[in-house]
N, C-alpha and C. Protein backbone atom coordinates (compact mmCIF):
# COMPACT_ATOMS: atom_id res chain seq x y z
N MET A 1 4.87 -13.59 22.94
CA MET A 1 6.36 -12.38 22.00
C MET A 1 5.44 -11.69 20.33
N ASN A 2 5.15 -12.88 19.72
CA ASN A 2 4.63 -13.10 18.64
C ASN A 2 3.76 -12.30 18.64
N ARG A 3 2.39 -11.94 19.41
CA ARG A 3 1.44 -11.21 18.99
C ARG A 3 1.80 -10.17 19.24
N MET A 4 2.72 -10.07 20.36
CA MET A 4 3.14 -8.22 20.34
C MET A 4 3.53 -7.56 19.35
N ILE A 5 4.64 -8.22 18.42
CA ILE A 5 4.80 -8.44 17.60
C ILE A 5 4.20 -7.70 16.20
N ALA A 6 3.29 -8.25 15.98
CA ALA A 6 2.40 -8.61 15.25
C ALA A 6 1.15 -6.82 15.64
N VAL A 7 1.05 -6.46 16.79
CA VAL A 7 0.54 -6.03 17.31
C VAL A 7 1.23 -4.61 17.08
N VAL A 8 2.47 -4.34 16.90
CA VAL A 8 3.47 -2.99 16.84
C VAL A 8 3.59 -3.38 15.20
N ALA A 9 3.52 -3.80 14.55
CA ALA A 9 3.58 -4.53 12.81
C ALA A 9 2.42 -3.56 12.45
N LEU A 10 0.96 -3.65 12.82
CA LEU A 10 -0.16 -3.08 12.57
C LEU A 10 -0.64 -1.72 13.08
N SER A 11 0.21 -1.58 14.00
CA SER A 11 0.26 -0.11 14.55
C SER A 11 0.83 0.80 13.62
N LEU A 12 2.29 0.41 13.43
CA LEU A 12 2.86 1.01 12.59
C LEU A 12 1.93 1.50 10.98
N LEU A 13 2.00 0.13 10.69
CA LEU A 13 0.99 0.03 9.38
C LEU A 13 -0.14 1.29 9.59
N CYS A 14 -1.15 0.72 10.23
CA CYS A 14 -2.21 2.14 10.62
C CYS A 14 -1.42 3.61 10.88
N THR A 15 -0.37 3.50 11.79
CA THR A 15 -0.24 4.76 11.33
C THR A 15 0.17 5.59 10.22
N GLY A 16 1.04 4.73 9.11
CA GLY A 16 1.32 5.24 8.32
C GLY A 16 0.39 5.03 7.23
N LEU A 17 -0.67 4.56 7.24
CA LEU A 17 -1.72 4.95 6.66
C LEU A 17 -2.61 6.23 6.78
N ALA A 18 -2.65 6.80 8.39
CA ALA A 18 -3.34 7.54 8.10
C ALA A 18 -2.61 8.94 7.49
N TYR A 19 -1.37 8.97 7.79
CA TYR A 19 -0.65 10.32 7.21
C TYR A 19 -0.93 10.31 5.28
N ALA A 20 -1.31 8.73 5.20
CA ALA A 20 -1.31 8.70 3.14
C ALA A 20 -1.74 9.83 2.51
N ALA A 21 -3.14 10.22 3.08
CA ALA A 21 -3.61 10.90 2.18
C ALA A 21 -2.86 12.75 1.90
N GLY A 22 -2.01 13.05 2.95
CA GLY A 22 -1.49 14.00 2.79
C GLY A 22 0.11 14.23 2.59
N SER A 23 0.60 12.53 2.42
CA SER A 23 1.68 12.29 2.19
C SER A 23 2.06 12.24 0.79
N ALA A 24 3.82 12.18 0.61
CA ALA A 24 3.49 11.92 -0.87
C ALA A 24 4.64 10.59 -0.88
N VAL A 25 5.03 10.21 0.43
CA VAL A 25 5.44 8.43 0.22
C VAL A 25 5.15 7.69 1.57
N VAL A 26 4.18 6.90 1.29
CA VAL A 26 4.20 5.98 2.67
C VAL A 26 4.87 5.12 2.50
N GLN A 27 5.17 4.47 4.22
CA GLN A 27 6.26 3.73 4.09
C GLN A 27 5.57 2.51 4.34
N LEU A 28 5.38 1.02 3.98
CA LEU A 28 4.42 0.41 5.04
C LEU A 28 5.58 -1.11 5.51
N PRO A 29 4.92 -1.44 6.48
CA PRO A 29 5.95 -2.29 7.23
C PRO A 29 5.65 -4.37 6.37
N ALA A 30 6.28 -4.76 5.77
CA ALA A 30 6.15 -6.36 5.51
C ALA A 30 7.14 -7.17 5.76
N LYS A 31 6.93 -8.23 5.79
CA LYS A 31 7.70 -9.39 5.92
C LYS A 31 8.68 -9.48 5.39
N ASN A 32 8.88 -9.27 4.35
CA ASN A 32 9.85 -9.70 3.46
C ASN A 32 11.00 -8.37 2.97
N GLY A 33 10.82 -7.10 3.54
CA GLY A 33 11.29 -5.81 3.53
C GLY A 33 10.18 -4.85 3.36
N ASN A 34 10.35 -3.94 3.87
CA ASN A 34 9.86 -2.37 3.79
C ASN A 34 8.77 -2.32 2.11
N VAL A 35 7.85 -1.75 2.18
CA VAL A 35 7.19 -1.62 0.85
C VAL A 35 7.16 0.30 0.73
N THR A 36 8.05 0.96 -0.11
CA THR A 36 7.49 2.37 -0.17
C THR A 36 6.21 2.63 -1.13
N PHE A 37 5.22 3.23 -1.01
CA PHE A 37 4.53 3.47 -1.90
C PHE A 37 4.25 4.68 -2.19
N PRO A 38 4.29 5.27 -3.13
CA PRO A 38 4.15 6.84 -3.83
C PRO A 38 2.98 7.29 -3.84
N HIS A 39 1.72 7.31 -2.67
CA HIS A 39 0.89 7.86 -2.92
C HIS A 39 0.51 9.14 -3.77
N LYS A 40 1.20 10.35 -3.52
CA LYS A 40 0.81 11.09 -4.01
C LYS A 40 1.00 11.08 -5.75
N MET A 41 1.63 10.27 -6.25
CA MET A 41 2.07 10.12 -7.57
C MET A 41 1.05 8.68 -8.09
N HIS A 42 0.04 8.52 -7.69
CA HIS A 42 -1.17 7.30 -7.90
C HIS A 42 -2.02 8.48 -7.41
N GLN A 43 -2.04 9.54 -6.99
CA GLN A 43 -3.36 10.35 -6.67
C GLN A 43 -3.19 11.00 -8.13
N GLU A 44 -2.18 11.52 -8.48
CA GLU A 44 -2.27 11.87 -9.75
C GLU A 44 -2.57 11.89 -11.23
N MET A 45 -2.75 10.07 -11.22
CA MET A 45 -2.75 9.64 -12.24
C MET A 45 -3.94 9.65 -12.60
N LYS A 46 -4.49 10.04 -13.88
CA LYS A 46 -5.60 10.14 -14.68
C LYS A 46 -6.50 8.89 -14.24
N GLU A 47 -5.71 7.70 -14.84
CA GLU A 47 -6.67 6.98 -14.95
C GLU A 47 -6.99 6.13 -13.54
N MET A 48 -6.38 6.73 -12.25
CA MET A 48 -6.68 6.46 -10.84
C MET A 48 -7.84 6.78 -10.11
N ALA A 49 -8.78 6.27 -10.11
CA ALA A 49 -9.60 6.46 -8.56
C ALA A 49 -9.24 6.55 -7.32
N CYS A 50 -9.61 6.90 -6.84
CA CYS A 50 -9.12 6.44 -5.08
C CYS A 50 -10.04 5.30 -5.02
N THR A 51 -11.07 4.90 -5.48
CA THR A 51 -11.74 3.69 -5.13
C THR A 51 -11.26 2.49 -5.53
N LYS A 52 -10.26 3.09 -6.51
CA LYS A 52 -9.66 1.83 -7.12
C LYS A 52 -9.09 0.93 -5.81
N CYS A 53 -8.25 1.10 -5.08
CA CYS A 53 -8.10 1.08 -3.56
C CYS A 53 -8.67 1.39 -2.22
N HIS A 54 -9.61 2.35 -2.18
CA HIS A 54 -10.20 2.61 -1.02
C HIS A 54 -11.84 2.24 -1.26
N GLU A 55 -12.39 2.28 -0.06
CA GLU A 55 -13.66 2.05 -0.09
C GLU A 55 -14.31 2.99 -0.56
N THR A 56 -14.01 4.62 -0.65
CA THR A 56 -14.69 5.87 -0.86
C THR A 56 -14.25 6.54 -1.53
N ASP A 57 -14.45 7.25 -2.68
CA ASP A 57 -13.57 8.10 -3.34
C ASP A 57 -13.50 9.53 -2.51
N GLN A 58 -13.45 9.34 -1.74
CA GLN A 58 -12.98 10.20 -0.20
C GLN A 58 -11.84 9.63 0.29
N GLY A 59 -11.10 8.85 -0.34
CA GLY A 59 -9.95 8.09 0.11
C GLY A 59 -10.25 6.86 1.72
N GLY A 60 -9.19 7.34 2.33
CA GLY A 60 -9.80 6.95 4.02
C GLY A 60 -9.32 4.92 4.22
N LYS A 61 -9.81 4.36 4.87
CA LYS A 61 -9.31 3.42 5.30
C LYS A 61 -9.52 2.04 3.84
N ILE A 62 -8.72 1.31 4.30
CA ILE A 62 -8.36 0.33 3.42
C ILE A 62 -8.62 -1.20 4.39
N ALA A 63 -9.96 -1.42 4.40
CA ALA A 63 -10.11 -2.50 5.19
C ALA A 63 -9.62 -3.88 5.15
N ASP A 64 -9.25 -4.08 3.81
CA ASP A 64 -8.63 -5.79 3.54
C ASP A 64 -7.09 -5.63 3.59
N LEU A 65 -6.30 -4.10 3.79
CA LEU A 65 -5.01 -4.35 3.28
C LEU A 65 -4.54 -5.12 4.52
N GLY A 66 -3.43 -5.98 3.60
CA GLY A 66 -2.63 -6.58 3.84
C GLY A 66 -1.97 -7.32 2.62
N LYS A 67 -1.06 -8.41 2.82
CA LYS A 67 -0.33 -8.94 1.83
C LYS A 67 -1.18 -9.47 0.88
N ASP A 68 -2.02 -10.51 1.17
CA ASP A 68 -3.11 -10.92 0.00
C ASP A 68 -3.90 -9.72 -1.00
N TRP A 69 -4.23 -8.96 0.13
CA TRP A 69 -4.95 -7.62 -0.76
C TRP A 69 -3.70 -6.98 -1.68
N ALA A 70 -2.48 -6.41 -1.46
CA ALA A 70 -1.54 -5.94 -1.71
C ALA A 70 -1.17 -6.59 -3.67
N HIS A 71 -1.11 -8.20 -2.85
CA HIS A 71 -0.38 -8.49 -4.07
C HIS A 71 -1.61 -8.39 -5.26
N LYS A 72 -2.64 -8.84 -4.55
CA LYS A 72 -3.93 -9.16 -5.87
C LYS A 72 -4.20 -7.58 -6.61
N THR A 73 -4.62 -6.70 -5.57
CA THR A 73 -4.70 -5.15 -6.01
C THR A 73 -3.76 -4.83 -6.61
N CYS A 74 -2.40 -4.43 -6.07
CA CYS A 74 -1.11 -3.83 -6.89
C CYS A 74 -0.78 -4.02 -7.71
N LYS A 75 -0.12 -5.62 -7.47
CA LYS A 75 0.33 -5.92 -8.67
C LYS A 75 -0.37 -6.38 -9.89
N GLY A 76 -1.70 -6.73 -9.50
CA GLY A 76 -2.60 -7.31 -10.57
C GLY A 76 -2.96 -6.00 -11.20
N CYS A 77 -3.16 -4.55 -10.37
CA CYS A 77 -3.36 -3.35 -10.87
C CYS A 77 -2.15 -2.88 -12.30
N HIS A 78 -0.80 -3.50 -11.40
CA HIS A 78 0.42 -2.95 -11.92
C HIS A 78 0.65 -3.92 -13.78
N THR A 79 0.19 -4.89 -13.66
CA THR A 79 0.45 -5.95 -15.03
C THR A 79 -0.92 -5.77 -15.33
N GLU A 80 -1.99 -5.07 -15.79
CA GLU A 80 -3.21 -4.99 -16.10
C GLU A 80 -2.61 -3.57 -16.80
N MET A 81 -2.13 -2.54 -16.14
CA MET A 81 -1.40 -1.43 -17.21
C MET A 81 -0.48 -1.41 -17.97
N GLY A 82 0.46 -2.69 -17.50
CA GLY A 82 1.65 -2.88 -18.19
C GLY A 82 2.92 -1.79 -17.88
N LYS A 83 2.59 -0.82 -16.47
CA LYS A 83 3.49 -0.10 -15.64
C LYS A 83 3.52 -0.59 -14.44
N GLY A 84 4.46 -0.37 -13.38
CA GLY A 84 4.78 -0.05 -12.42
C GLY A 84 5.44 -1.74 -11.79
N PRO A 85 6.04 -1.48 -10.43
CA PRO A 85 6.51 -2.85 -10.17
C PRO A 85 5.58 -4.22 -9.84
N VAL A 86 6.40 -5.21 -10.24
CA VAL A 86 5.68 -6.69 -10.32
C VAL A 86 6.28 -7.48 -9.82
N LYS A 87 7.50 -7.31 -10.02
CA LYS A 87 8.71 -8.17 -8.79
C LYS A 87 8.64 -8.17 -7.50
N CYS A 88 8.71 -8.83 -6.40
CA CYS A 88 9.05 -8.82 -5.69
C CYS A 88 10.20 -7.87 -5.24
N ASN A 89 11.34 -8.05 -5.22
CA ASN A 89 12.23 -6.88 -4.97
C ASN A 89 11.96 -5.48 -5.89
N GLU A 90 11.45 -5.12 -6.54
CA GLU A 90 10.93 -4.09 -6.82
C GLU A 90 10.42 -3.22 -6.08
N CYS A 91 9.18 -4.10 -5.24
CA CYS A 91 8.56 -3.25 -4.15
C CYS A 91 9.50 -3.48 -2.84
N HIS A 92 9.55 -5.06 -2.57
CA HIS A 92 10.25 -5.09 -0.77
C HIS A 92 12.05 -4.70 -1.07
N LYS A 93 11.66 -3.72 -0.31
CA LYS A 93 13.31 -3.03 -0.13
C LYS A 93 13.74 -3.67 1.09
N LYS A 94 14.82 -4.75 1.16
CA LYS A 94 15.44 -4.62 2.81
C LYS A 94 16.41 -3.59 3.15
């Protein structure tokens, strides 16, 4: 049963990412509450290169996307830049 839940969650995550490039906002399912990711806003930031998150400058798949990657990459960038959410409840909405 737990494997089935994990497969469904991963499928939803991949589906959300597939639409990310053309979508203004991406909903990422997370155990502690879904994360709303404003993809278009990040695309429009001058200091944000696609390769900050993606493998290529064309965007696409994020190979290691998961809790550890997101906390290191997203939270790390927000802390470094001094803007964006860094507290749990600022990203995870129940």
